[in-house]
Amino acid sequence: MSNYTIFILRGWRDRQQTHFRLENPHTGEIHLFNSLGALTRFLEQIFGEDSSADHKSGDHHAKK
């Protein structure tokens, strides 16, 4: 992993919950989250001390 990563973050609310879309503009990879907690866990995995951690979560989906 390089020293930095660029993401475009989009957030919106519907009547029941908040959603987030995180996109890497260099790779086109998109991550979708159904809660702020899921987004935070993902970012902690990417930028935390253990960056080799598994990036799977029930309320997080990645697509290209």
PDB file of N, CA and C in Angstrom:
ATOM      1  N   MET A   1       0.842  -1.177   0.000  1.00  0.00           N
ATOM      2  CA  MET A   1       0.000   0.000   0.000  1.00  0.00           C
ATOM      3  C   MET A   1       0.887   1.238   0.000  1.00  0.00           C
ATOM      4  N   SER A   2       0.504   2.229  -0.776  1.00  0.00           N
ATOM      5  CA  SER A   2       1.279   3.462  -0.816  1.00  0.00           C
ATOM      6  C   SER A   2       1.060   4.267   0.463  1.00  0.00           C
ATOM      7  N   ASN A   3       1.747   5.386   0.571  1.00  0.00           N
ATOM      8  CA  ASN A   3       1.655   6.221   1.763  1.00  0.00           C
ATOM      9  C   ASN A   3       0.331   6.942   1.891  1.00  0.00           C
ATOM     10  N   TYR A   4      -0.421   7.040   0.814  1.00  0.00           N
ATOM     11  CA  TYR A   4      -1.719   7.699   0.888  1.00  0.00           C
ATOM     12  C   TYR A   4      -2.684   7.071  -0.102  1.00  0.00           C
ATOM     13  N   THR A   5      -3.956   7.247   0.160  1.00  0.00           N
ATOM     14  CA  THR A   5      -5.016   6.771  -0.705  1.00  0.00           C
ATOM     15  C   THR A   5      -6.039   7.884  -0.835  1.00  0.00           C
ATOM     16  N   ILE A   6      -6.536   8.097  -2.033  1.00  0.00           N
ATOM     17  CA  ILE A   6      -7.560   9.106  -2.263  1.00  0.00           C
ATOM     18  C   ILE A   6      -8.901   8.410  -2.418  1.00  0.00           C
ATOM     19  N   PHE A   7      -9.902   8.904  -1.700  1.00  0.00           N
ATOM     20  CA  PHE A   7     -11.256   8.412  -1.821  1.00  0.00           C
ATOM     21  C   PHE A   7     -12.195   9.587  -2.044  1.00  0.00           C
ATOM     22  N   ILE A   8     -13.262   9.352  -2.777  1.00  0.00           N
ATOM     23  CA  ILE A   8     -14.378  10.287  -2.870  1.00  0.00           C
ATOM     24  C   ILE A   8     -15.486   9.689  -2.002  1.00  0.00           C
ATOM     25  N   LEU A   9     -15.932  10.448  -1.029  1.00  0.00           N
ATOM     26  CA  LEU A   9     -16.957   9.982  -0.099  1.00  0.00           C
ATOM     27  C   LEU A   9     -18.275  10.683  -0.393  1.00  0.00           C
ATOM     28  N   ARG A  10     -19.320   9.875  -0.549  1.00  0.00           N
ATOM     29  CA  ARG A  10     -20.668  10.408  -0.701  1.00  0.00           C
ATOM     30  C   ARG A  10     -21.525   9.822   0.418  1.00  0.00           C
ATOM     31  N   GLY A  11     -22.372  10.633   0.968  1.00  0.00           N
ATOM     32  CA  GLY A  11     -23.257  10.160   2.026  1.00  0.00           C
ATOM     33  C   GLY A  11     -24.666  10.667   1.818  1.00  0.00           C
ATOM     34  N   TRP A  12     -25.666   9.849   2.188  1.00  0.00           N
ATOM     35  CA  TRP A  12     -27.061  10.251   2.079  1.00  0.00           C
ATOM     36  C   TRP A  12     -27.894   9.475   3.078  1.00  0.00           C
ATOM     37  N   ARG A  13     -29.050  10.027   3.375  1.00  0.00           N
ATOM     38  CA  ARG A  13     -29.985   9.385   4.298  1.00  0.00           C
ATOM     39  C   ARG A  13     -31.284   9.088   3.579  1.00  0.00           C
ATOM     40  N   ASP A  14     -31.823   7.927   3.890  1.00  0.00           N
ATOM     41  CA  ASP A  14     -33.195   7.669   3.499  1.00  0.00           C
ATOM     42  C   ASP A  14     -34.004   7.696   4.791  1.00  0.00           C
ATOM     43  N   ARG A  15     -35.199   7.243   4.765  1.00  0.00           N
ATOM     44  CA  ARG A  15     -36.052   7.347   5.963  1.00  0.00           C
ATOM     45  C   ARG A  15     -35.582   6.482   7.131  1.00  0.00           C
ATOM     46  N   GLN A  16     -34.820   5.446   6.840  1.00  0.00           N
ATOM     47  CA  GLN A  16     -34.478   4.489   7.885  1.00  0.00           C
ATOM     48  C   GLN A  16     -33.009   4.473   8.268  1.00  0.00           C
ATOM     49  N   GLN A  17     -32.103   4.873   7.392  1.00  0.00           N
ATOM     50  CA  GLN A  17     -30.681   4.786   7.731  1.00  0.00           C
ATOM     51  C   GLN A  17     -29.837   5.688   6.851  1.00  0.00           C
ATOM     52  N   THR A  18     -28.566   5.777   7.204  1.00  0.00           N
ATOM     53  CA  THR A  18     -27.593   6.556   6.455  1.00  0.00           C
ATOM     54  C   THR A  18     -26.773   5.606   5.588  1.00  0.00           C
ATOM     55  N   HIS A  19     -26.424   6.046   4.397  1.00  0.00           N
ATOM     56  CA  HIS A  19     -25.630   5.248   3.465  1.00  0.00           C
ATOM     57  C   HIS A  19     -24.392   6.039   3.070  1.00  0.00           C
ATOM     58  N   PHE A  20     -23.314   5.316   2.773  1.00  0.00           N
ATOM     59  CA  PHE A  20     -22.074   5.936   2.336  1.00  0.00           C
ATOM     60  C   PHE A  20     -21.529   5.182   1.136  1.00  0.00           C
ATOM     61  N   ARG A  21     -20.938   5.934   0.225  1.00  0.00           N
ATOM     62  CA  ARG A  21     -20.294   5.369  -0.963  1.00  0.00           C
ATOM     63  C   ARG A  21     -18.879   5.929  -1.011  1.00  0.00           C
ATOM     64  N   LEU A  22     -17.900   5.048  -0.984  1.00  0.00           N
ATOM     65  CA  LEU A  22     -16.495   5.427  -0.991  1.00  0.00           C
ATOM     66  C   LEU A  22     -15.897   4.930  -2.303  1.00  0.00           C
ATOM     67  N   GLU A  23     -15.351   5.843  -3.106  1.00  0.00           N
ATOM     68  CA  GLU A  23     -14.806   5.474  -4.411  1.00  0.00           C
ATOM     69  C   GLU A  23     -13.336   5.857  -4.506  1.00  0.00           C
ATOM     70  N   ASN A  24     -12.536   4.935  -5.004  1.00  0.00           N
ATOM     71  CA  ASN A  24     -11.142   5.221  -5.307  1.00  0.00           C
ATOM     72  C   ASN A  24     -11.103   5.683  -6.761  1.00  0.00           C
ATOM     73  N   PRO A  25     -10.843   6.971  -7.021  1.00  0.00           N
ATOM     74  CA  PRO A  25     -10.900   7.472  -8.391  1.00  0.00           C
ATOM     75  C   PRO A  25      -9.797   6.924  -9.302  1.00  0.00           C
ATOM     76  N   HIS A  26      -8.737   6.401  -8.716  1.00  0.00           N
ATOM     77  CA  HIS A  26      -7.641   5.854  -9.524  1.00  0.00           C
ATOM     78  C   HIS A  26      -7.950   4.450 -10.023  1.00  0.00           C
ATOM     79  N   THR A  27      -8.618   3.653  -9.202  1.00  0.00           N
ATOM     80  CA  THR A  27      -8.903   2.265  -9.569  1.00  0.00           C
ATOM     81  C   THR A  27     -10.347   2.045  -9.997  1.00  0.00           C
ATOM     82  N   GLY A  28     -11.236   2.967  -9.635  1.00  0.00           N
ATOM     83  CA  GLY A  28     -12.655   2.800  -9.921  1.00  0.00           C
ATOM     84  C   GLY A  28     -13.368   1.924  -8.912  1.00  0.00           C
ATOM     85  N   GLU A  29     -12.646   1.394  -7.947  1.00  0.00           N
ATOM     86  CA  GLU A  29     -13.250   0.528  -6.932  1.00  0.00           C
ATOM     87  C   GLU A  29     -14.202   1.341  -6.062  1.00  0.00           C
ATOM     88  N   ILE A  30     -15.376   0.766  -5.801  1.00  0.00           N
ATOM     89  CA  ILE A  30     -16.414   1.424  -5.008  1.00  0.00           C
ATOM     90  C   ILE A  30     -16.774   0.532  -3.837  1.00  0.00           C
ATOM     91  N   HIS A  31     -16.907   1.140  -2.672  1.00  0.00           N
ATOM     92  CA  HIS A  31     -17.334   0.449  -1.454  1.00  0.00           C
ATOM     93  C   HIS A  31     -18.611   1.112  -0.978  1.00  0.00           C
ATOM     94  N   LEU A  32     -19.618   0.299  -0.669  1.00  0.00           N
ATOM     95  CA  LEU A  32     -20.898   0.798  -0.183  1.00  0.00           C
ATOM     96  C   LEU A  32     -21.084   0.374   1.265  1.00  0.00           C
ATOM     97  N   PHE A  33     -21.576   1.288   2.084  1.00  0.00           N
ATOM     98  CA  PHE A  33     -21.754   1.039   3.508  1.00  0.00           C
ATOM     99  C   PHE A  33     -23.161   1.445   3.924  1.00  0.00           C
ATOM    100  N   ASN A  34     -23.749   0.677   4.827  1.00  0.00           N
ATOM    101  CA  ASN A  34     -25.087   0.965   5.323  1.00  0.00           C
ATOM    102  C   ASN A  34     -25.074   1.573   6.715  1.00  0.00           C
ATOM    103  N   SER A  35     -23.894   1.959   7.192  1.00  0.00           N
ATOM    104  CA  SER A  35     -23.823   2.612   8.499  1.00  0.00           C
ATOM    105  C   SER A  35     -22.484   3.335   8.629  1.00  0.00           C
ATOM    106  N   LEU A  36     -22.461   4.334   9.487  1.00  0.00           N
ATOM    107  CA  LEU A  36     -21.225   5.045   9.767  1.00  0.00           C
ATOM    108  C   LEU A  36     -20.218   4.117  10.435  1.00  0.00           C
ATOM    109  N   GLY A  37     -20.700   3.209  11.262  1.00  0.00           N
ATOM    110  CA  GLY A  37     -19.821   2.253  11.920  1.00  0.00           C
ATOM    111  C   GLY A  37     -19.098   1.361  10.929  1.00  0.00           C
ATOM    112  N   ALA A  38     -19.800   0.904   9.898  1.00  0.00           N
ATOM    113  CA  ALA A  38     -19.176   0.053   8.880  1.00  0.00           C
ATOM    114  C   ALA A  38     -18.119   0.833   8.108  1.00  0.00           C
ATOM    115  N   LEU A  39     -18.418   2.084   7.772  1.00  0.00           N
ATOM    116  CA  LEU A  39     -17.440   2.925   7.077  1.00  0.00           C
ATOM    117  C   LEU A  39     -16.211   3.134   7.953  1.00  0.00           C
ATOM    118  N   THR A  40     -16.420   3.417   9.213  1.00  0.00           N
ATOM    119  CA  THR A  40     -15.307   3.635  10.149  1.00  0.00           C
ATOM    120  C   THR A  40     -14.453   2.386  10.287  1.00  0.00           C
ATOM    121  N   ARG A  41     -15.077   1.221  10.419  1.00  0.00           N
ATOM    122  CA  ARG A  41     -14.325  -0.040  10.534  1.00  0.00           C
ATOM    123  C   ARG A  41     -13.478  -0.276   9.292  1.00  0.00           C
ATOM    124  N   PHE A  42     -14.046  -0.016   8.123  1.00  0.00           N
ATOM    125  CA  PHE A  42     -13.311  -0.195   6.873  1.00  0.00           C
ATOM    126  C   PHE A  42     -12.092   0.722   6.842  1.00  0.00           C
ATOM    127  N   LEU A  43     -12.274   1.994   7.175  1.00  0.00           N
ATOM    128  CA  LEU A  43     -11.157   2.943   7.159  1.00  0.00           C
ATOM    129  C   LEU A  43     -10.104   2.574   8.201  1.00  0.00           C
ATOM    130  N   GLU A  44     -10.533   2.067   9.346  1.00  0.00           N
ATOM    131  CA  GLU A  44      -9.571   1.611  10.348  1.00  0.00           C
ATOM    132  C   GLU A  44      -8.769   0.426   9.833  1.00  0.00           C
ATOM    133  N   GLN A  45      -9.403  -0.446   9.074  1.00  0.00           N
ATOM    134  CA  GLN A  45      -8.686  -1.583   8.495  1.00  0.00           C
ATOM    135  C   GLN A  45      -7.678  -1.112   7.450  1.00  0.00           C
ATOM    136  N   ILE A  46      -8.048  -0.124   6.662  1.00  0.00           N
ATOM    137  CA  ILE A  46      -7.156   0.397   5.622  1.00  0.00           C
ATOM    138  C   ILE A  46      -5.984   1.159   6.227  1.00  0.00           C
ATOM    139  N   PHE A  47      -6.277   2.046   7.173  1.00  0.00           N
ATOM    140  CA  PHE A  47      -5.260   2.959   7.683  1.00  0.00           C
ATOM    141  C   PHE A  47      -4.784   2.636   9.090  1.00  0.00           C
ATOM    142  N   GLY A  48      -5.377   1.618   9.725  1.00  0.00           N
ATOM    143  CA  GLY A  48      -4.993   1.253  11.079  1.00  0.00           C
ATOM    144  C   GLY A  48      -3.668   0.509  11.104  1.00  0.00           C
ATOM    145  N   GLU A  49      -3.298   0.089  12.289  1.00  0.00           N
ATOM    146  CA  GLU A  49      -2.012  -0.595  12.478  1.00  0.00           C
ATOM    147  C   GLU A  49      -1.954  -1.912  11.730  1.00  0.00           C
ATOM    148  N   ASP A  50      -3.076  -2.630  11.666  1.00  0.00           N
ATOM    149  CA  ASP A  50      -3.089  -3.926  10.986  1.00  0.00           C
ATOM    150  C   ASP A  50      -3.808  -3.782   9.660  1.00  0.00           C
ATOM    151  N   SER A  51      -3.112  -3.285   8.631  1.00  0.00           N
ATOM    152  CA  SER A  51      -3.739  -3.052   7.334  1.00  0.00           C
ATOM    153  C   SER A  51      -3.951  -4.339   6.544  1.00  0.00           C
ATOM    154  N   SER A  52      -3.501  -5.483   7.064  1.00  0.00           N
ATOM    155  CA  SER A  52      -3.721  -6.751   6.377  1.00  0.00           C
ATOM    156  C   SER A  52      -5.006  -7.429   6.833  1.00  0.00           C
ATOM    157  N   ALA A  53      -5.796  -6.761   7.679  1.00  0.00           N
ATOM    158  CA  ALA A  53      -7.022  -7.352   8.217  1.00  0.00           C
ATOM    159  C   ALA A  53      -8.031  -7.601   7.108  1.00  0.00           C
ATOM    160  N   ASP A  54      -8.927  -8.552   7.368  1.00  0.00           N
ATOM    161  CA  ASP A  54      -9.975  -8.902   6.419  1.00  0.00           C
ATOM    162  C   ASP A  54     -10.953  -7.734   6.297  1.00  0.00           C
ATOM    163  N   HIS A  55     -11.325  -7.345   5.085  1.00  0.00           N
ATOM    164  CA  HIS A  55     -12.161  -6.186   4.841  1.00  0.00           C
ATOM    165  C   HIS A  55     -13.618  -6.561   4.661  1.00  0.00           C
ATOM    166  N   LYS A  56     -14.072  -7.680   5.176  1.00  0.00           N
ATOM    167  CA  LYS A  56     -15.445  -8.103   4.980  1.00  0.00           C
ATOM    168  C   LYS A  56     -16.305  -7.656   6.154  1.00  0.00           C
ATOM    169  N   SER A  57     -17.517  -7.222   5.825  1.00  0.00           N
ATOM    170  CA  SER A  57     -18.489  -6.842   6.831  1.00  0.00           C
ATOM    171  C   SER A  57     -19.873  -7.066   6.243  1.00  0.00           C
ATOM    172  N   GLY A  58     -20.830  -7.389   7.084  1.00  0.00           N
ATOM    173  CA  GLY A  58     -22.175  -7.642   6.603  1.00  0.00           C
ATOM    174  C   GLY A  58     -22.848  -6.423   6.015  1.00  0.00           C
ATOM    175  N   ASP A  59     -22.425  -5.229   6.396  1.00  0.00           N
ATOM    176  CA  ASP A  59     -23.060  -4.023   5.880  1.00  0.00           C
ATOM    177  C   ASP A  59     -22.107  -3.212   5.012  1.00  0.00           C
ATOM    178  N   HIS A  60     -21.183  -3.896   4.348  1.00  0.00           N
ATOM    179  CA  HIS A  60     -20.218  -3.267   3.438  1.00  0.00           C
ATOM    180  C   HIS A  60     -20.135  -4.120   2.189  1.00  0.00           C
ATOM    181  N   HIS A  61     -20.193  -3.477   1.041  1.00  0.00           N
ATOM    182  CA  HIS A  61     -20.110  -4.184  -0.238  1.00  0.00           C
ATOM    183  C   HIS A  61     -19.119  -3.450  -1.137  1.00  0.00           C
ATOM    184  N   ALA A  62     -18.264  -4.187  -1.827  1.00  0.00           N
ATOM    185  CA  ALA A  62     -17.311  -3.596  -2.769  1.00  0.00           C
ATOM    186  C   ALA A  62     -17.698  -4.005  -4.177  1.00  0.00           C
ATOM    187  N   LYS A  63     -17.511  -3.084  -5.122  1.00  0.00           N
ATOM    188  CA  LYS A  63     -17.760  -3.411  -6.522  1.00  0.00           C
ATOM    189  C   LYS A  63     -16.810  -2.609  -7.395  1.00  0.00           C
ATOM    190  N   LYS A  64     -16.636  -3.043  -8.605  1.00  0.00           N
ATOM    191  CA  LYS A  64     -15.788  -2.338  -9.575  1.00  0.00           C
ATOM    192  C   LYS A  64     -16.574  -1.936 -10.766  1.00  0.00           C
TER     193      LYS A  64
END
